[in-house]
Amino acid sequence: MCLFFQRKIKFLFVKEEPFDIYVLIDAASTYVFGHVLSRVVDESPLEKDVETLFTEAWESKGQWAKKLIVSEDSIAKNVFMRQAEKNGLAFETVPVSDLSPIVGLLRESFA
C-alpha cells in the first residue's frame, strides 16, 4: 500500500517562492519513494512530475502497491488518483488525520 500526503505545517520556500511538497511513501515500511513540489497557489503538481514519481516508485520496488491512499482534502488528489488508475492501483481517500500515525515523524522532519 502506498500513500501520499501534502505537508501542511509550513511552506517550503524555494527562491523566496512558497511551495507545497507531496510525498509518496510505502505505508508498510515508511520508505519514501520520492516527492514533487508545487507552487502554493492552489495548483496541483504537474501530471508529468507525478508520473515520474510513480515511475521511480516502480523502479524502486519492481511492483505496484495494491492501493494508493490519498488525503481527501488535498488539491493534488485527482492527479495522484489518475496515476493510480493508469497503473492499475485501487485508491481510497481518507481524512488526513487517519494518515498521522504513518506520516507523523516524516512531517516533523519537514517542519
Protein backbone atom coordinates (compact mmCIF):
# COMPACT_ATOMS: atom_id res chain seq x y z
CA MET A 1 0.00 0.00 0.00
CA CYS A 2 1.32 3.43 -0.93
CA LEU A 3 0.14 6.76 0.25
CA PHE A 4 0.92 10.33 -0.34
CA PHE A 5 0.50 13.35 1.83
CA GLN A 6 0.80 17.07 1.47
CA ARG A 7 2.88 18.87 4.03
CA LYS A 8 0.59 21.35 5.80
CA ILE A 9 2.72 22.70 8.63
CA LYS A 10 4.70 25.44 6.90
CA PHE A 11 5.52 26.20 3.32
CA LEU A 12 8.83 25.23 1.82
CA PHE A 13 10.47 28.27 0.24
CA VAL A 14 12.50 27.99 -2.95
CA LYS A 15 13.98 31.26 -4.19
CA GLU A 16 11.53 33.10 -1.92
CA GLU A 17 8.50 31.36 -3.53
CA PRO A 18 6.27 29.17 -1.31
CA PHE A 19 5.87 25.53 -2.35
CA ASP A 20 3.93 22.54 -1.10
CA ILE A 21 5.64 19.17 -1.05
CA TYR A 22 3.83 15.94 -1.93
CA VAL A 23 5.46 12.71 -0.76
CA LEU A 24 4.83 9.16 -2.00
CA ILE A 25 5.69 6.55 0.62
CA ASP A 26 5.25 2.83 1.24
CA ALA A 27 2.89 2.71 4.22
CA ALA A 28 4.13 -0.66 5.48
CA SER A 29 7.81 0.24 5.65
CA THR A 30 7.52 4.07 5.58
CA TYR A 31 10.06 4.01 2.73
CA VAL A 32 9.94 7.33 0.87
CA PHE A 33 9.85 6.81 -2.90
CA GLY A 34 10.20 10.48 -3.59
CA HIS A 35 8.41 13.80 -3.70
CA VAL A 36 7.16 16.51 -6.02
CA LEU A 37 6.90 20.22 -5.40
CA SER A 38 4.06 22.53 -6.39
CA ARG A 39 3.82 26.30 -6.03
CA VAL A 40 1.43 27.36 -3.28
CA VAL A 41 -1.23 28.99 -5.42
CA ASP A 42 -3.90 26.29 -5.26
CA GLU A 43 -2.17 24.34 -8.02
CA SER A 44 -1.71 20.61 -8.20
CA PRO A 45 1.70 19.26 -9.06
CA LEU A 46 2.26 18.75 -12.76
CA GLU A 47 0.95 15.47 -14.18
CA LYS A 48 4.38 14.67 -15.67
CA ASP A 49 6.06 15.16 -12.27
CA VAL A 50 3.63 12.78 -10.57
CA GLU A 51 4.03 10.29 -13.42
CA THR A 52 7.82 10.43 -12.89
CA LEU A 53 7.30 9.87 -9.16
CA PHE A 54 5.23 6.75 -9.87
CA THR A 55 7.88 5.51 -12.32
CA GLU A 56 10.56 5.95 -9.65
CA ALA A 57 8.40 4.02 -7.17
CA TRP A 58 8.01 1.17 -9.70
CA GLU A 59 11.76 1.11 -10.36
CA SER A 60 12.46 1.04 -6.62
CA LYS A 61 10.12 -1.86 -5.80
CA GLY A 62 9.64 -3.65 -9.14
CA GLN A 63 5.92 -3.92 -8.45
CA TRP A 64 2.91 -1.76 -7.83
CA ALA A 65 1.22 -1.41 -4.49
CA LYS A 66 -2.29 -2.77 -4.18
CA LYS A 67 -3.77 0.55 -3.15
CA LEU A 68 -2.98 4.25 -3.10
CA ILE A 69 -4.32 6.13 -0.10
CA VAL A 70 -4.86 9.82 -0.70
CA SER A 71 -5.78 12.52 1.81
CA GLU A 72 -9.28 13.70 0.90
CA ASP A 73 -8.62 17.41 1.36
CA SER A 74 -5.60 17.65 -0.92
CA ILE A 75 -5.85 19.66 -4.12
CA ALA A 76 -3.47 17.11 -5.66
CA LYS A 77 -5.64 14.07 -5.06
CA ASN A 78 -7.00 13.95 -8.62
CA VAL A 79 -3.58 13.93 -10.28
CA PHE A 80 -2.42 11.15 -7.94
CA MET A 81 -5.63 9.17 -8.42
CA ARG A 82 -5.29 9.41 -12.23
CA GLN A 83 -1.79 7.93 -11.99
CA ALA A 84 -3.04 5.19 -9.68
CA GLU A 85 -5.83 4.33 -12.11
CA LYS A 86 -3.44 4.44 -15.08
CA ASN A 87 -1.21 1.89 -13.33
CA GLY A 88 -3.99 -0.40 -12.09
CA LEU A 89 -3.89 0.60 -8.42
CA ALA A 90 -7.04 0.87 -6.36
CA PHE A 91 -7.30 4.12 -4.47
CA GLU A 92 -9.01 5.38 -1.36
CA THR A 93 -9.44 8.85 0.08
CA VAL A 94 -9.21 9.29 3.84
CA PRO A 95 -9.08 12.23 6.26
CA VAL A 96 -5.53 13.48 6.68
CA SER A 97 -5.82 12.71 10.42
CA ASP A 98 -6.02 9.00 9.52
CA LEU A 99 -2.55 9.27 7.98
CA SER A 100 -0.92 10.88 11.03
CA PRO A 101 0.29 7.62 12.66
CA ILE A 102 2.13 6.72 9.47
CA VAL A 103 3.49 10.08 8.39
CA GLY A 104 3.79 11.95 11.68
CA LEU A 105 7.58 11.65 12.03
CA LEU A 106 8.11 12.42 8.36
CA ARG A 107 6.03 15.58 8.69
CA GLU A 108 8.06 16.68 11.68
CA SER A 109 11.27 16.25 9.71
CA PHE A 110 9.96 18.71 7.11
CA ALA A 111 8.78 21.23 9.72
